[in-house]
Amino acid sequence: MSNRGLPGTQGSNTIGQYKVKPDGDLELVEFTSALCTFPRLFVFDESDQILIVACQFSNNIVAFTRNSDTGKLSRLAEYDAVTAPAGALIV
């Protein structure tokens, strides 16, 4: 989830990762830099292992791999020269 607007995260361009606890509540795992300005859209591939982030103000798209055990994200690739992406589709 994008944490824009959450208390204490103003000006932050990070992605919050949470896990579902046995009682159904959410627990914060960590915040990861989106490596861009104003992460706008998030989409996972069919395997739920690759996360694509479209970044509106830095005009780029960043791909992350997701660790299936911990849920933590790691940078996979970055694609520049995308004008104000507001959506993403994995084909």
C-alpha atoms as a PDB file:
ATOM      1  CA  MET A   1       0.000   0.000   0.000  1.00  0.00           C
ATOM      2  CA  SER A   2       1.080   3.570  -0.523  1.00  0.00           C
ATOM      3  CA  ASN A   3       1.493   5.390   2.747  1.00  0.00           C
ATOM      4  CA  ARG A   4       0.903   8.872   1.368  1.00  0.00           C
ATOM      5  CA  GLY A   5      -1.136  10.804   3.878  1.00  0.00           C
ATOM      6  CA  LEU A   6      -0.514   8.481   6.819  1.00  0.00           C
ATOM      7  CA  PRO A   7       0.657  10.254   9.980  1.00  0.00           C
ATOM      8  CA  GLY A   8       4.443  10.528  10.110  1.00  0.00           C
ATOM      9  CA  THR A   9       4.949   9.710   6.421  1.00  0.00           C
ATOM     10  CA  GLN A  10       4.426  13.117   4.792  1.00  0.00           C
ATOM     11  CA  GLY A  11       6.813  13.513   1.873  1.00  0.00           C
ATOM     12  CA  SER A  12       7.603   9.816   1.984  1.00  0.00           C
ATOM     13  CA  ASN A  13       7.678   7.818  -1.246  1.00  0.00           C
ATOM     14  CA  THR A  14       7.652   4.399   0.332  1.00  0.00           C
ATOM     15  CA  ILE A  15       5.574   1.239   0.091  1.00  0.00           C
ATOM     16  CA  GLY A  16       4.257  -0.298   3.294  1.00  0.00           C
ATOM     17  CA  GLN A  17       4.225  -4.081   3.562  1.00  0.00           C
ATOM     18  CA  TYR A  18       1.908  -5.779   6.026  1.00  0.00           C
ATOM     19  CA  LYS A  19       1.151  -9.333   7.036  1.00  0.00           C
ATOM     20  CA  VAL A  20      -2.123 -10.746   8.262  1.00  0.00           C
ATOM     21  CA  LYS A  21      -1.875 -12.064  11.814  1.00  0.00           C
ATOM     22  CA  PRO A  22      -3.773 -15.199  12.899  1.00  0.00           C
ATOM     23  CA  ASP A  23      -6.460 -13.025  14.513  1.00  0.00           C
ATOM     24  CA  GLY A  24      -7.002 -11.188  11.190  1.00  0.00           C
ATOM     25  CA  ASP A  25      -5.319  -7.946  12.230  1.00  0.00           C
ATOM     26  CA  LEU A  26      -2.590  -6.406  10.078  1.00  0.00           C
ATOM     27  CA  GLU A  27       0.996  -6.084  11.277  1.00  0.00           C
ATOM     28  CA  LEU A  28       3.501  -3.729   9.629  1.00  0.00           C
ATOM     29  CA  VAL A  29       6.496  -5.619   8.207  1.00  0.00           C
ATOM     30  CA  GLU A  30       8.447  -2.629   6.863  1.00  0.00           C
ATOM     31  CA  PHE A  31       8.450   0.403   4.604  1.00  0.00           C
ATOM     32  CA  THR A  32      10.469   0.094   1.379  1.00  0.00           C
ATOM     33  CA  SER A  33      11.541   3.017  -0.790  1.00  0.00           C
ATOM     34  CA  ALA A  34       9.496   3.107  -3.986  1.00  0.00           C
ATOM     35  CA  LEU A  35      12.644   4.432  -5.725  1.00  0.00           C
ATOM     36  CA  CYS A  36      10.527   7.147  -7.313  1.00  0.00           C
ATOM     37  CA  THR A  37       8.391  10.183  -6.651  1.00  0.00           C
ATOM     38  CA  PHE A  38       4.676   9.780  -5.972  1.00  0.00           C
ATOM     39  CA  PRO A  39       4.085   6.032  -6.381  1.00  0.00           C
ATOM     40  CA  ARG A  40       0.639   5.994  -7.957  1.00  0.00           C
ATOM     41  CA  LEU A  41      -0.351   2.442  -8.873  1.00  0.00           C
ATOM     42  CA  PHE A  42       0.648  -1.026  -7.708  1.00  0.00           C
ATOM     43  CA  VAL A  43       0.009  -4.352  -9.459  1.00  0.00           C
ATOM     44  CA  PHE A  44       1.330  -7.882  -8.882  1.00  0.00           C
ATOM     45  CA  ASP A  45       1.976 -10.365 -11.665  1.00  0.00           C
ATOM     46  CA  GLU A  46       0.066 -13.679 -11.758  1.00  0.00           C
ATOM     47  CA  SER A  47       2.630 -15.379  -9.501  1.00  0.00           C
ATOM     48  CA  ASP A  48       2.363 -12.615  -6.855  1.00  0.00           C
ATOM     49  CA  GLN A  49       6.175 -12.494  -6.897  1.00  0.00           C
ATOM     50  CA  ILE A  50       6.726  -9.338  -8.975  1.00  0.00           C
ATOM     51  CA  LEU A  51       5.286  -5.972  -8.004  1.00  0.00           C
ATOM     52  CA  ILE A  52       5.084  -3.179 -10.579  1.00  0.00           C
ATOM     53  CA  VAL A  53       4.908   0.405  -9.274  1.00  0.00           C
ATOM     54  CA  ALA A  54       3.931   3.257 -11.601  1.00  0.00           C
ATOM     55  CA  CYS A  55       5.387   6.567 -10.404  1.00  0.00           C
ATOM     56  CA  GLN A  56       3.487   9.648 -11.455  1.00  0.00           C
ATOM     57  CA  PHE A  57       5.877  12.555 -10.807  1.00  0.00           C
ATOM     58  CA  SER A  58       9.232  10.890 -11.551  1.00  0.00           C
ATOM     59  CA  ASN A  59       7.858   9.452 -14.821  1.00  0.00           C
ATOM     60  CA  ASN A  60       9.086   5.920 -14.314  1.00  0.00           C
ATOM     61  CA  ILE A  61       7.993   2.387 -13.468  1.00  0.00           C
ATOM     62  CA  VAL A  62       9.821   0.278 -10.906  1.00  0.00           C
ATOM     63  CA  ALA A  63       9.629  -3.516 -10.614  1.00  0.00           C
ATOM     64  CA  PHE A  64      10.265  -5.340  -7.336  1.00  0.00           C
ATOM     65  CA  THR A  65      10.503  -9.008  -6.440  1.00  0.00           C
ATOM     66  CA  ARG A  66       8.582 -10.141  -3.364  1.00  0.00           C
ATOM     67  CA  ASN A  67      10.041 -12.679  -0.953  1.00  0.00           C
ATOM     68  CA  SER A  68       7.254 -15.236  -0.518  1.00  0.00           C
ATOM     69  CA  ASP A  69       8.344 -16.072   3.052  1.00  0.00           C
ATOM     70  CA  THR A  70       8.790 -12.558   4.464  1.00  0.00           C
ATOM     71  CA  GLY A  71       6.843 -10.374   2.017  1.00  0.00           C
ATOM     72  CA  LYS A  72       9.818  -8.020   1.767  1.00  0.00           C
ATOM     73  CA  LEU A  73      10.495  -6.260  -1.532  1.00  0.00           C
ATOM     74  CA  SER A  74      13.755  -5.996  -3.504  1.00  0.00           C
ATOM     75  CA  ARG A  75      14.407  -3.852  -6.579  1.00  0.00           C
ATOM     76  CA  LEU A  76      14.319  -5.851  -9.809  1.00  0.00           C
ATOM     77  CA  ALA A  77      14.334  -3.221 -12.587  1.00  0.00           C
ATOM     78  CA  GLU A  78      13.480   0.375 -13.392  1.00  0.00           C
ATOM     79  CA  TYR A  79      12.020   1.783 -16.582  1.00  0.00           C
ATOM     80  CA  ASP A  80      12.423   5.495 -17.315  1.00  0.00           C
ATOM     81  CA  ALA A  81      10.871   7.857 -19.849  1.00  0.00           C
ATOM     82  CA  VAL A  82       7.286   6.944 -19.096  1.00  0.00           C
ATOM     83  CA  THR A  83       5.237  10.158 -19.041  1.00  0.00           C
ATOM     84  CA  ALA A  84       3.107  10.421 -15.872  1.00  0.00           C
ATOM     85  CA  PRO A  85       2.057   6.764 -15.645  1.00  0.00           C
ATOM     86  CA  ALA A  86      -1.354   6.417 -14.012  1.00  0.00           C
ATOM     87  CA  GLY A  87      -1.882   2.726 -14.613  1.00  0.00           C
ATOM     88  CA  ALA A  88      -0.203  -0.568 -15.396  1.00  0.00           C
ATOM     89  CA  LEU A  89      -1.237  -3.799 -17.048  1.00  0.00           C
ATOM     90  CA  ILE A  90       0.690  -7.050 -16.985  1.00  0.00           C
ATOM     91  CA  VAL A  91       0.104  -9.092 -20.111  1.00  0.00           C
END
